[in-house]
Amino acid sequence: MKSPLLTLPGAVPAEGVDEGVAAHYGDLFREQRALADGTGFVDLSHRGVVAVTGEDRLAWLHLLLTQHVSDLPAGRATEALILSANGHIEHALYLVDDGATVWAHVEPGTQEALIAYLESMKFFYKVEVADRTDDIAIVHLPAGSIAEVPEGVVVRETPHGRDLFLPRADLEAYAAQAGPPAGILAHEALRVEQHRPRLGFETDHRTIPHELGWIGSAVHLQKGCYRGQETVARVQNLGKPPRRLVFLHLDGSEVHLPVAGTELRLADDGPDGRKVGFITTSARHHELGPVALALVKRNVAVDAPLVAGDTAAAQEVVVEP
């Protein structure tokens, strides 16, 4: 779905998963600084939107999600995962209940598979699941923003800002009064700085929640009755995850950023050393310079200098080994 905001001055379309919105509007660092200062907005209208209604919606979702949502108060934001039977991450949902409907936004293009799974699990529960992507657009306001929110718009408020579930028909009009636009690259750079994982970026087919630090924020350890719970409990009580998320400071003298998938090696082992991890997301930050998130083997020393391709990288611990 192509955003109408791609017609704004300076808009450069994003590619890949984020196709459909602007990568930037001509000045990546200015856009980052604006978001960091609490001004402007980010067009996330390419993200999927799912709505769950019905009197059993919270009790039913509680059985399926990794998060405790049976008593979720109206207006309180949370996030949750859906796992495979083996505990691998399949979906990430960013939720809020408005008192009548649970609203969730999800990664672009994943809503159909998510809805198919939810529909298969309805059984006798009084719930309805709907794809609202065609008529609801997600707009992100950064933390500290004083931009007005139109009456009746559902808001998901977090420490990192507010996500608006805005009628898609109102997107252009809202953008005209919401302040300077910032592209998805600015939004991603701040996400990397904040060490926040993203489905499909920091995850692969075998990722478990412990590896990314999603325990607590998206996985509640005192609830049961969800698919994959056994793996979560076993790792929590008896072992350690095989990999861990790290934040990397990259050598700023390199012209090109190492792309997602770039192999990581121990600097002391040289270019022919064994692979110990890989880059998941890289970005140019307006203050920190080139940075990245990466997954490395748990037993890699936390102070070990790394090399991403030909680029030197220094670790910062996100998930403890």
C-alpha atoms as a PDB file:
ATOM      1  CA  MET A   1       0.000   0.000   0.000  1.00  0.00           C
ATOM      2  CA  LYS A   2       1.569   3.255  -1.174  1.00  0.00           C
ATOM      3  CA  SER A   3       1.290   6.200   1.213  1.00  0.00           C
ATOM      4  CA  PRO A   4      -0.074   9.506  -0.133  1.00  0.00           C
ATOM      5  CA  LEU A   5       2.659  11.221   1.893  1.00  0.00           C
ATOM      6  CA  LEU A   6       5.203  10.093  -0.693  1.00  0.00           C
ATOM      7  CA  THR A   7       4.101  13.189  -2.601  1.00  0.00           C
ATOM      8  CA  LEU A   8       5.484  15.479   0.128  1.00  0.00           C
ATOM      9  CA  PRO A   9       8.526  17.591  -0.870  1.00  0.00           C
ATOM     10  CA  GLY A  10      11.804  15.665  -0.737  1.00  0.00           C
ATOM     11  CA  ALA A  11      10.197  12.265  -0.111  1.00  0.00           C
ATOM     12  CA  VAL A  12      12.395   9.335  -1.158  1.00  0.00           C
ATOM     13  CA  PRO A  13      10.582   5.961  -1.145  1.00  0.00           C
ATOM     14  CA  ALA A  14      11.781   3.226   1.176  1.00  0.00           C
ATOM     15  CA  GLU A  15      12.644  -0.198  -0.181  1.00  0.00           C
ATOM     16  CA  GLY A  16      12.192  -3.768   0.962  1.00  0.00           C
ATOM     17  CA  VAL A  17       9.856  -4.489   3.872  1.00  0.00           C
ATOM     18  CA  ASP A  18       9.210  -0.775   4.392  1.00  0.00           C
ATOM     19  CA  GLU A  19       8.251  -0.102   0.786  1.00  0.00           C
ATOM     20  CA  GLY A  20       5.220   2.168   0.601  1.00  0.00           C
ATOM     21  CA  VAL A  21       6.394   4.940   2.931  1.00  0.00           C
ATOM     22  CA  ALA A  22       9.261   7.433   2.783  1.00  0.00           C
ATOM     23  CA  ALA A  23      12.800   6.393   3.664  1.00  0.00           C
ATOM     24  CA  HIS A  24      13.543  10.075   4.278  1.00  0.00           C
ATOM     25  CA  TYR A  25      12.513  13.560   3.178  1.00  0.00           C
ATOM     26  CA  GLY A  26      15.912  14.823   2.139  1.00  0.00           C
ATOM     27  CA  ASP A  27      17.791  15.209   5.428  1.00  0.00           C
ATOM     28  CA  LEU A  28      18.198  12.055   7.491  1.00  0.00           C
ATOM     29  CA  PHE A  29      20.031  13.632  10.436  1.00  0.00           C
ATOM     30  CA  ARG A  30      17.686  16.622  10.673  1.00  0.00           C
ATOM     31  CA  GLU A  31      14.763  14.202  10.786  1.00  0.00           C
ATOM     32  CA  GLN A  32      16.441  12.165  13.535  1.00  0.00           C
ATOM     33  CA  ARG A  33      17.157  15.268  15.595  1.00  0.00           C
ATOM     34  CA  ALA A  34      13.550  16.401  15.251  1.00  0.00           C
ATOM     35  CA  LEU A  35      12.258  13.062  16.529  1.00  0.00           C
ATOM     36  CA  ALA A  36      14.789  13.049  19.373  1.00  0.00           C
ATOM     37  CA  ASP A  37      13.562  16.541  20.318  1.00  0.00           C
ATOM     38  CA  GLY A  38       9.929  15.392  20.324  1.00  0.00           C
ATOM     39  CA  THR A  39       8.801  17.106  17.142  1.00  0.00           C
ATOM     40  CA  GLY A  40       7.408  15.865  13.860  1.00  0.00           C
ATOM     41  CA  PHE A  41       5.907  12.478  13.032  1.00  0.00           C
ATOM     42  CA  VAL A  42       6.680   9.235  11.205  1.00  0.00           C
ATOM     43  CA  ASP A  43       4.416   7.760   8.549  1.00  0.00           C
ATOM     44  CA  LEU A  44       4.026   4.064   9.395  1.00  0.00           C
ATOM     45  CA  SER A  45       0.929   3.604   7.265  1.00  0.00           C
ATOM     46  CA  HIS A  46       2.438   0.541   5.578  1.00  0.00           C
ATOM     47  CA  ARG A  47       2.113  -1.498   8.775  1.00  0.00           C
ATOM     48  CA  GLY A  48      -0.661  -4.040   9.157  1.00  0.00           C
ATOM     49  CA  VAL A  49      -3.586  -3.255  11.469  1.00  0.00           C
ATOM     50  CA  VAL A  50      -5.679  -5.958  13.136  1.00  0.00           C
ATOM     51  CA  ALA A  51      -8.760  -5.401  15.311  1.00  0.00           C
ATOM     52  CA  VAL A  52     -10.306  -7.916  17.710  1.00  0.00           C
ATOM     53  CA  THR A  53     -13.795  -7.290  19.064  1.00  0.00           C
ATOM     54  CA  GLY A  54     -16.229  -9.250  21.206  1.00  0.00           C
ATOM     55  CA  GLU A  55     -16.790  -9.744  24.909  1.00  0.00           C
ATOM     56  CA  ASP A  56     -14.227 -12.569  25.135  1.00  0.00           C
ATOM     57  CA  ARG A  57     -11.461 -10.720  23.271  1.00  0.00           C
ATOM     58  CA  LEU A  58      -9.054 -10.235  26.191  1.00  0.00           C
ATOM     59  CA  ALA A  59      -9.575 -13.655  27.768  1.00  0.00           C
ATOM     60  CA  TRP A  60      -9.164 -15.300  24.357  1.00  0.00           C
ATOM     61  CA  LEU A  61      -6.023 -13.377  23.396  1.00  0.00           C
ATOM     62  CA  HIS A  62      -4.597 -14.166  26.826  1.00  0.00           C
ATOM     63  CA  LEU A  63      -4.588 -17.853  25.858  1.00  0.00           C
ATOM     64  CA  LEU A  64      -2.722 -17.243  22.594  1.00  0.00           C
ATOM     65  CA  LEU A  65      -0.211 -14.493  23.362  1.00  0.00           C
ATOM     66  CA  THR A  66       2.956 -14.450  25.428  1.00  0.00           C
ATOM     67  CA  GLN A  67       1.750 -11.385  27.312  1.00  0.00           C
ATOM     68  CA  HIS A  68      -0.695 -11.181  30.242  1.00  0.00           C
ATOM     69  CA  VAL A  69      -3.697  -9.385  28.720  1.00  0.00           C
ATOM     70  CA  SER A  70      -6.753 -10.874  30.425  1.00  0.00           C
ATOM     71  CA  ASP A  71      -7.054  -7.790  32.659  1.00  0.00           C
ATOM     72  CA  LEU A  72      -5.477  -5.251  30.300  1.00  0.00           C
ATOM     73  CA  PRO A  73      -6.898  -1.826  31.246  1.00  0.00           C
ATOM     74  CA  ALA A  74      -8.361   0.287  28.475  1.00  0.00           C
ATOM     75  CA  GLY A  75      -5.743   2.648  27.072  1.00  0.00           C
ATOM     76  CA  ARG A  76      -2.694   0.778  28.387  1.00  0.00           C
ATOM     77  CA  ALA A  77      -0.180  -0.154  25.686  1.00  0.00           C
ATOM     78  CA  THR A  78       1.565  -3.497  25.644  1.00  0.00           C
ATOM     79  CA  GLU A  79       3.338  -5.773  23.202  1.00  0.00           C
ATOM     80  CA  ALA A  80       3.135  -9.516  22.745  1.00  0.00           C
ATOM     81  CA  LEU A  81       4.430 -12.388  20.651  1.00  0.00           C
ATOM     82  CA  ILE A  82       2.984 -15.489  19.087  1.00  0.00           C
ATOM     83  CA  LEU A  83       5.379 -18.422  19.173  1.00  0.00           C
ATOM     84  CA  SER A  84       5.600 -21.710  17.337  1.00  0.00           C
ATOM     85  CA  ALA A  85       5.201 -24.968  19.218  1.00  0.00           C
ATOM     86  CA  ASN A  86       8.997 -24.999  19.569  1.00  0.00           C
ATOM     87  CA  GLY A  87       9.087 -21.497  21.048  1.00  0.00           C
ATOM     88  CA  HIS A  88      10.321 -19.673  17.946  1.00  0.00           C
ATOM     89  CA  ILE A  89       8.943 -16.176  17.311  1.00  0.00           C
ATOM     90  CA  GLU A  90       6.302 -16.045  14.565  1.00  0.00           C
ATOM     91  CA  HIS A  91       4.490 -12.741  15.154  1.00  0.00           C
ATOM     92  CA  ALA A  92       4.979  -9.540  17.153  1.00  0.00           C
ATOM     93  CA  LEU A  93       1.912  -7.468  18.063  1.00  0.00           C
ATOM     94  CA  TYR A  94       1.823  -3.914  19.430  1.00  0.00           C
ATOM     95  CA  LEU A  95      -1.451  -3.680  21.311  1.00  0.00           C
ATOM     96  CA  VAL A  96      -3.917  -1.377  22.993  1.00  0.00           C
ATOM     97  CA  ASP A  97      -7.526  -1.940  24.053  1.00  0.00           C
ATOM     98  CA  ASP A  98      -9.931   0.994  23.784  1.00  0.00           C
ATOM     99  CA  GLY A  99     -12.605  -0.585  25.959  1.00  0.00           C
ATOM    100  CA  ALA A 100     -14.443  -2.237  23.073  1.00  0.00           C
ATOM    101  CA  THR A 101     -11.727  -3.328  20.640  1.00  0.00           C
ATOM    102  CA  VAL A 102      -8.165  -4.600  20.886  1.00  0.00           C
ATOM    103  CA  TRP A 103      -6.117  -2.813  18.239  1.00  0.00           C
ATOM    104  CA  ALA A 104      -2.762  -4.157  17.103  1.00  0.00           C
ATOM    105  CA  HIS A 105      -0.268  -3.033  14.530  1.00  0.00           C
ATOM    106  CA  VAL A 106       2.130  -5.568  13.068  1.00  0.00           C
ATOM    107  CA  GLU A 107       4.928  -5.808  10.542  1.00  0.00           C
ATOM    108  CA  PRO A 108       3.961  -4.969   6.941  1.00  0.00           C
ATOM    109  CA  GLY A 109       2.499  -7.948   5.136  1.00  0.00           C
ATOM    110  CA  THR A 110       2.230 -10.208   8.201  1.00  0.00           C
ATOM    111  CA  GLN A 111      -1.392  -9.433   9.069  1.00  0.00           C
ATOM    112  CA  GLU A 112      -2.895 -12.043   6.748  1.00  0.00           C
ATOM    113  CA  ALA A 113      -0.952 -14.938   8.276  1.00  0.00           C
ATOM    114  CA  LEU A 114      -1.659 -13.615  11.766  1.00  0.00           C
ATOM    115  CA  ILE A 115      -5.387 -13.373  11.099  1.00  0.00           C
ATOM    116  CA  ALA A 116      -5.446 -16.869   9.591  1.00  0.00           C
ATOM    117  CA  TYR A 117      -3.907 -18.220  12.798  1.00  0.00           C
ATOM    118  CA  LEU A 118      -6.275 -16.260  15.033  1.00  0.00           C
ATOM    119  CA  GLU A 119      -9.303 -17.408  13.031  1.00  0.00           C
ATOM    120  CA  SER A 120      -8.197 -21.024  13.414  1.00  0.00           C
ATOM    121  CA  MET A 121      -8.178 -20.608  17.199  1.00  0.00           C
ATOM    122  CA  LYS A 122     -11.597 -18.971  17.720  1.00  0.00           C
ATOM    123  CA  PHE A 123     -13.502 -22.149  18.670  1.00  0.00           C
ATOM    124  CA  PHE A 124     -16.489 -21.177  20.835  1.00  0.00           C
ATOM    125  CA  TYR A 125     -15.159 -17.780  21.977  1.00  0.00           C
ATOM    126  CA  LYS A 126     -17.218 -14.672  21.275  1.00  0.00           C
ATOM    127  CA  VAL A 127     -14.670 -12.769  19.229  1.00  0.00           C
ATOM    128  CA  GLU A 128     -14.337 -11.287  15.753  1.00  0.00           C
ATOM    129  CA  VAL A 129     -11.025 -10.622  14.018  1.00  0.00           C
ATOM    130  CA  ALA A 130     -10.732  -8.055  11.235  1.00  0.00           C
ATOM    131  CA  ASP A 131      -7.998  -6.753   8.947  1.00  0.00           C
ATOM    132  CA  ARG A 132      -8.256  -2.957   9.210  1.00  0.00           C
ATOM    133  CA  THR A 133      -5.128  -2.128   7.213  1.00  0.00           C
ATOM    134  CA  ASP A 134      -7.129  -0.668   4.315  1.00  0.00           C
ATOM    135  CA  ASP A 135      -8.869   1.952   6.441  1.00  0.00           C
ATOM    136  CA  ILE A 136      -6.532   2.592   9.406  1.00  0.00           C
ATOM    137  CA  ALA A 137      -3.015   4.063   9.128  1.00  0.00           C
ATOM    138  CA  ILE A 138      -0.389   4.071  11.871  1.00  0.00           C
ATOM    139  CA  VAL A 139       1.273   7.416  12.585  1.00  0.00           C
ATOM    140  CA  HIS A 140       4.049   7.656  15.175  1.00  0.00           C
ATOM    141  CA  LEU A 141       4.553  10.752  17.342  1.00  0.00           C
ATOM    142  CA  PRO A 142       7.892  10.785  19.197  1.00  0.00           C
ATOM    143  CA  ALA A 143       8.235  10.932  22.974  1.00  0.00           C
ATOM    144  CA  GLY A 144       7.693  14.483  24.190  1.00  0.00           C
ATOM    145  CA  SER A 145       5.525  15.461  21.236  1.00  0.00           C
ATOM    146  CA  ILE A 146       2.791  17.992  21.952  1.00  0.00           C
ATOM    147  CA  ALA A 147       1.054  17.426  18.624  1.00  0.00           C
ATOM    148  CA  GLU A 148      -2.710  17.237  18.958  1.00  0.00           C
ATOM    149  CA  VAL A 149      -4.493  13.938  18.459  1.00  0.00           C
ATOM    150  CA  PRO A 150      -7.844  14.104  16.638  1.00  0.00           C
ATOM    151  CA  GLU A 151     -10.866  13.260  18.757  1.00  0.00           C
ATOM    152  CA  GLY A 152     -11.835   9.609  18.639  1.00  0.00           C
ATOM    153  CA  VAL A 153      -8.453   8.358  17.394  1.00  0.00           C
ATOM    154  CA  VAL A 154      -7.109   5.349  19.310  1.00  0.00           C
ATOM    155  CA  VAL A 155      -3.681   6.037  20.816  1.00  0.00           C
ATOM    156  CA  ARG A 156      -1.060   3.563  21.952  1.00  0.00           C
ATOM    157  CA  GLU A 157       1.280   5.463  24.288  1.00  0.00           C
ATOM    158  CA  THR A 158       4.713   4.084  25.212  1.00  0.00           C
ATOM    159  CA  PRO A 159       7.963   5.531  26.616  1.00  0.00           C
ATOM    160  CA  HIS A 160       9.165   5.853  23.010  1.00  0.00           C
ATOM    161  CA  GLY A 161       6.182   7.867  21.796  1.00  0.00           C
ATOM    162  CA  ARG A 162       2.588   7.520  20.695  1.00  0.00           C
ATOM    163  CA  ASP A 163       1.203   5.330  17.923  1.00  0.00           C
ATOM    164  CA  LEU A 164      -1.985   6.719  16.418  1.00  0.00           C
ATOM    165  CA  PHE A 165      -4.545   4.432  14.761  1.00  0.00           C
ATOM    166  CA  LEU A 166      -5.659   7.148  12.353  1.00  0.00           C
ATOM    167  CA  PRO A 167      -8.379   6.809   9.709  1.00  0.00           C
ATOM    168  CA  ARG A 168      -6.452   6.415   6.467  1.00  0.00           C
ATOM    169  CA  ALA A 169      -8.666   8.995   4.786  1.00  0.00           C
ATOM    170  CA  ASP A 170      -7.402  11.602   7.290  1.00  0.00           C
ATOM    171  CA  LEU A 171      -3.691  10.898   6.825  1.00  0.00           C
ATOM    172  CA  GLU A 172      -2.856  13.770   4.471  1.00  0.00           C
ATOM    173  CA  ALA A 173      -4.824  16.326   6.477  1.00  0.00           C
ATOM    174  CA  TYR A 174      -3.205  15.220   9.734  1.00  0.00           C
ATOM    175  CA  ALA A 175       0.279  15.329   8.215  1.00  0.00           C
ATOM    176  CA  ALA A 176      -0.297  18.938   7.148  1.00  0.00           C
ATOM    177  CA  GLN A 177      -0.624  20.050  10.784  1.00  0.00           C
ATOM    178  CA  ALA A 178       1.470  17.482  12.691  1.00  0.00           C
ATOM    179  CA  GLY A 179       4.874  19.072  12.129  1.00  0.00           C
ATOM    180  CA  PRO A 180       7.816  18.094   9.931  1.00  0.00           C
ATOM    181  CA  PRO A 181       7.730  14.520   8.585  1.00  0.00           C
ATOM    182  CA  ALA A 182      10.528  12.075   9.372  1.00  0.00           C
ATOM    183  CA  GLY A 183      11.226   9.008   7.297  1.00  0.00           C
ATOM    184  CA  ILE A 184      11.490   5.389   8.309  1.00  0.00           C
ATOM    185  CA  LEU A 185      15.324   5.557   8.315  1.00  0.00           C
ATOM    186  CA  ALA A 186      15.261   8.143  11.106  1.00  0.00           C
ATOM    187  CA  HIS A 187      12.761   6.039  13.023  1.00  0.00           C
ATOM    188  CA  GLU A 188      14.948   2.947  12.556  1.00  0.00           C
ATOM    189  CA  ALA A 189      18.112   4.736  13.699  1.00  0.00           C
ATOM    190  CA  LEU A 190      16.428   5.657  16.984  1.00  0.00           C
ATOM    191  CA  ARG A 191      15.087   2.116  17.343  1.00  0.00           C
ATOM    192  CA  VAL A 192      18.615   0.761  17.020  1.00  0.00           C
ATOM    193  CA  GLU A 193      19.867   3.288  19.574  1.00  0.00           C
ATOM    194  CA  GLN A 194      17.126   2.137  21.967  1.00  0.00           C
ATOM    195  CA  HIS A 195      18.074  -1.542  21.437  1.00  0.00           C
ATOM    196  CA  ARG A 196      14.527  -2.461  20.397  1.00  0.00           C
ATOM    197  CA  PRO A 197      14.231  -5.623  18.289  1.00  0.00           C
ATOM    198  CA  ARG A 198      11.987  -5.835  15.242  1.00  0.00           C
ATOM    199  CA  LEU A 199      10.362  -8.933  13.802  1.00  0.00           C
ATOM    200  CA  GLY A 200      12.008  -9.983  10.558  1.00  0.00           C
ATOM    201  CA  PHE A 201      15.059  -7.839  11.271  1.00  0.00           C
ATOM    202  CA  GLU A 202      16.417  -9.188  14.566  1.00  0.00           C
ATOM    203  CA  THR A 203      14.531 -12.481  14.145  1.00  0.00           C
ATOM    204  CA  ASP A 204      14.992 -15.489  11.906  1.00  0.00           C
ATOM    205  CA  HIS A 205      13.252 -18.874  11.769  1.00  0.00           C
ATOM    206  CA  ARG A 206      14.853 -20.049  15.021  1.00  0.00           C
ATOM    207  CA  THR A 207      14.837 -16.936  17.225  1.00  0.00           C
ATOM    208  CA  ILE A 208      13.485 -17.336  20.754  1.00  0.00           C
ATOM    209  CA  PRO A 209      12.416 -14.388  22.958  1.00  0.00           C
ATOM    210  CA  HIS A 210      15.313 -14.659  25.424  1.00  0.00           C
ATOM    211  CA  GLU A 211      17.841 -13.916  22.689  1.00  0.00           C
ATOM    212  CA  LEU A 212      16.385 -10.460  22.032  1.00  0.00           C
ATOM    213  CA  GLY A 213      15.548  -9.264  25.522  1.00  0.00           C
ATOM    214  CA  TRP A 214      11.818  -9.600  24.908  1.00  0.00           C
ATOM    215  CA  ILE A 215      11.287 -11.263  28.292  1.00  0.00           C
ATOM    216  CA  GLY A 216       9.205  -8.913  30.409  1.00  0.00           C
ATOM    217  CA  SER A 217       8.286  -6.383  27.752  1.00  0.00           C
ATOM    218  CA  ALA A 218       6.574  -8.910  25.463  1.00  0.00           C
ATOM    219  CA  VAL A 219       6.709 -12.193  27.405  1.00  0.00           C
ATOM    220  CA  HIS A 220       5.089 -12.527  30.824  1.00  0.00           C
ATOM    221  CA  LEU A 221       6.764 -15.264  32.855  1.00  0.00           C
ATOM    222  CA  GLN A 222       3.933 -15.741  35.345  1.00  0.00           C
ATOM    223  CA  LYS A 223       1.293 -16.804  32.851  1.00  0.00           C
ATOM    224  CA  GLY A 224       0.806 -20.061  31.038  1.00  0.00           C
ATOM    225  CA  CYS A 225      -1.423 -21.566  28.389  1.00  0.00           C
ATOM    226  CA  TYR A 226       0.205 -20.352  25.211  1.00  0.00           C
ATOM    227  CA  ARG A 227       1.956 -22.182  22.418  1.00  0.00           C
ATOM    228  CA  GLY A 228       5.717 -22.351  22.945  1.00  0.00           C
ATOM    229  CA  GLN A 229       5.518 -21.737  26.693  1.00  0.00           C
ATOM    230  CA  GLU A 230       7.514 -24.874  27.466  1.00  0.00           C
ATOM    231  CA  THR A 231      10.564 -23.555  25.625  1.00  0.00           C
ATOM    232  CA  VAL A 232      10.327 -20.175  27.353  1.00  0.00           C
ATOM    233  CA  ALA A 233      10.096 -21.808  30.788  1.00  0.00           C
ATOM    234  CA  ARG A 234      12.914 -24.267  30.083  1.00  0.00           C
ATOM    235  CA  VAL A 235      15.348 -21.572  28.954  1.00  0.00           C
ATOM    236  CA  GLN A 236      14.345 -19.295  31.830  1.00  0.00           C
ATOM    237  CA  ASN A 237      14.743 -21.955  34.510  1.00  0.00           C
ATOM    238  CA  LEU A 238      17.366 -24.354  33.225  1.00  0.00           C
ATOM    239  CA  GLY A 239      19.576 -22.780  30.618  1.00  0.00           C
ATOM    240  CA  LYS A 240      20.689 -19.868  28.483  1.00  0.00           C
ATOM    241  CA  PRO A 241      19.715 -18.878  24.950  1.00  0.00           C
ATOM    242  CA  PRO A 242      22.216 -19.878  22.245  1.00  0.00           C
ATOM    243  CA  ARG A 243      22.532 -16.303  20.958  1.00  0.00           C
ATOM    244  CA  ARG A 244      22.253 -12.798  22.381  1.00  0.00           C
ATOM    245  CA  LEU A 245      21.425  -9.378  20.984  1.00  0.00           C
ATOM    246  CA  VAL A 246      24.222  -6.790  21.061  1.00  0.00           C
ATOM    247  CA  PHE A 247      24.529  -3.138  20.122  1.00  0.00           C
ATOM    248  CA  LEU A 248      27.546  -2.300  17.984  1.00  0.00           C
ATOM    249  CA  HIS A 249      29.513   0.890  17.517  1.00  0.00           C
ATOM    250  CA  LEU A 250      30.949   0.647  14.009  1.00  0.00           C
ATOM    251  CA  ASP A 251      34.129   2.168  12.629  1.00  0.00           C
ATOM    252  CA  GLY A 252      33.089   5.593  11.371  1.00  0.00           C
ATOM    253  CA  SER A 253      35.868   5.821   8.795  1.00  0.00           C
ATOM    254  CA  GLU A 254      34.120   3.295   6.541  1.00  0.00           C
ATOM    255  CA  VAL A 255      32.004   4.768   3.737  1.00  0.00           C
ATOM    256  CA  HIS A 256      29.512   1.938   3.564  1.00  0.00           C
ATOM    257  CA  LEU A 257      27.484   0.427   6.383  1.00  0.00           C
ATOM    258  CA  PRO A 258      27.613  -3.359   6.736  1.00  0.00           C
ATOM    259  CA  VAL A 259      24.198  -4.561   5.626  1.00  0.00           C
ATOM    260  CA  ALA A 260      21.897  -6.976   7.428  1.00  0.00           C
ATOM    261  CA  GLY A 261      23.335 -10.472   7.260  1.00  0.00           C
ATOM    262  CA  THR A 262      26.977  -9.347   7.274  1.00  0.00           C
ATOM    263  CA  GLU A 263      28.954 -11.945   9.184  1.00  0.00           C
ATOM    264  CA  LEU A 264      30.690 -11.059  12.439  1.00  0.00           C
ATOM    265  CA  ARG A 265      34.070 -12.493  13.428  1.00  0.00           C
ATOM    266  CA  LEU A 266      36.438 -11.959  16.328  1.00  0.00           C
ATOM    267  CA  ALA A 267      38.907  -9.244  15.355  1.00  0.00           C
ATOM    268  CA  ASP A 268      41.788 -11.244  16.825  1.00  0.00           C
ATOM    269  CA  ASP A 269      41.035 -14.193  14.531  1.00  0.00           C
ATOM    270  CA  GLY A 270      41.512 -12.203  11.327  1.00  0.00           C
ATOM    271  CA  PRO A 271      39.438 -12.353   8.124  1.00  0.00           C
ATOM    272  CA  ASP A 272      39.474 -16.154   8.049  1.00  0.00           C
ATOM    273  CA  GLY A 273      38.195 -16.575  11.599  1.00  0.00           C
ATOM    274  CA  ARG A 274      35.017 -18.435  12.426  1.00  0.00           C
ATOM    275  CA  LYS A 275      31.656 -16.700  12.233  1.00  0.00           C
ATOM    276  CA  VAL A 276      30.349 -15.677  15.662  1.00  0.00           C
ATOM    277  CA  GLY A 277      27.249 -13.736  14.622  1.00  0.00           C
ATOM    278  CA  PHE A 278      25.714 -11.416  12.072  1.00  0.00           C
ATOM    279  CA  ILE A 279      24.381  -7.890  11.657  1.00  0.00           C
ATOM    280  CA  THR A 280      20.579  -7.594  11.899  1.00  0.00           C
ATOM    281  CA  THR A 281      20.071  -3.827  11.439  1.00  0.00           C
ATOM    282  CA  SER A 282      22.588  -1.060  10.737  1.00  0.00           C
ATOM    283  CA  ALA A 283      22.000   2.684  10.763  1.00  0.00           C
ATOM    284  CA  ARG A 284      23.680   6.066  10.734  1.00  0.00           C
ATOM    285  CA  HIS A 285      22.848   7.880  13.952  1.00  0.00           C
ATOM    286  CA  HIS A 286      22.939  11.669  14.192  1.00  0.00           C
ATOM    287  CA  GLU A 287      25.055  11.580  17.384  1.00  0.00           C
ATOM    288  CA  LEU A 288      26.559   8.086  17.681  1.00  0.00           C
ATOM    289  CA  GLY A 289      27.631   7.692  14.061  1.00  0.00           C
ATOM    290  CA  PRO A 290      27.342   4.258  12.405  1.00  0.00           C
ATOM    291  CA  VAL A 291      25.708   1.733  14.719  1.00  0.00           C
ATOM    292  CA  ALA A 292      24.040  -1.648  14.455  1.00  0.00           C
ATOM    293  CA  LEU A 293      22.157  -4.378  16.234  1.00  0.00           C
ATOM    294  CA  ALA A 294      23.489  -7.905  15.860  1.00  0.00           C
ATOM    295  CA  LEU A 295      23.049 -11.447  17.093  1.00  0.00           C
ATOM    296  CA  VAL A 296      26.167 -13.167  18.402  1.00  0.00           C
ATOM    297  CA  LYS A 297      26.840 -16.528  19.995  1.00  0.00           C
ATOM    298  CA  ARG A 298      26.243 -16.437  23.731  1.00  0.00           C
ATOM    299  CA  ASN A 299      29.804 -17.453  24.595  1.00  0.00           C
ATOM    300  CA  VAL A 300      31.408 -14.504  22.763  1.00  0.00           C
ATOM    301  CA  ALA A 301      33.175 -12.402  25.402  1.00  0.00           C
ATOM    302  CA  VAL A 302      31.297  -9.154  26.009  1.00  0.00           C
ATOM    303  CA  ASP A 303      34.475  -7.098  25.565  1.00  0.00           C
ATOM    304  CA  ALA A 304      35.779  -8.935  22.503  1.00  0.00           C
ATOM    305  CA  PRO A 305      36.457  -6.617  19.513  1.00  0.00           C
ATOM    306  CA  LEU A 306      34.538  -7.790  16.461  1.00  0.00           C
ATOM    307  CA  VAL A 307      34.738  -7.279  12.712  1.00  0.00           C
ATOM    308  CA  ALA A 308      31.643  -6.974  10.517  1.00  0.00           C
ATOM    309  CA  GLY A 309      32.999  -7.816   7.090  1.00  0.00           C
ATOM    310  CA  ASP A 310      35.876  -5.341   6.942  1.00  0.00           C
ATOM    311  CA  THR A 311      34.412  -2.946   9.505  1.00  0.00           C
ATOM    312  CA  ALA A 312      35.629  -2.873  13.106  1.00  0.00           C
ATOM    313  CA  ALA A 313      32.854  -3.136  15.688  1.00  0.00           C
ATOM    314  CA  ALA A 314      32.770  -2.631  19.468  1.00  0.00           C
ATOM    315  CA  GLN A 315      30.100  -4.373  21.495  1.00  0.00           C
ATOM    316  CA  GLU A 316      27.645  -2.954  24.004  1.00  0.00           C
ATOM    317  CA  VAL A 317      25.694  -5.547  25.991  1.00  0.00           C
ATOM    318  CA  VAL A 318      21.923  -5.691  25.419  1.00  0.00           C
ATOM    319  CA  VAL A 319      21.201  -9.274  26.533  1.00  0.00           C
ATOM    320  CA  GLU A 320      23.448 -10.661  29.232  1.00  0.00           C
ATOM    321  CA  PRO A 321      25.352 -13.841  28.268  1.00  0.00           C
END
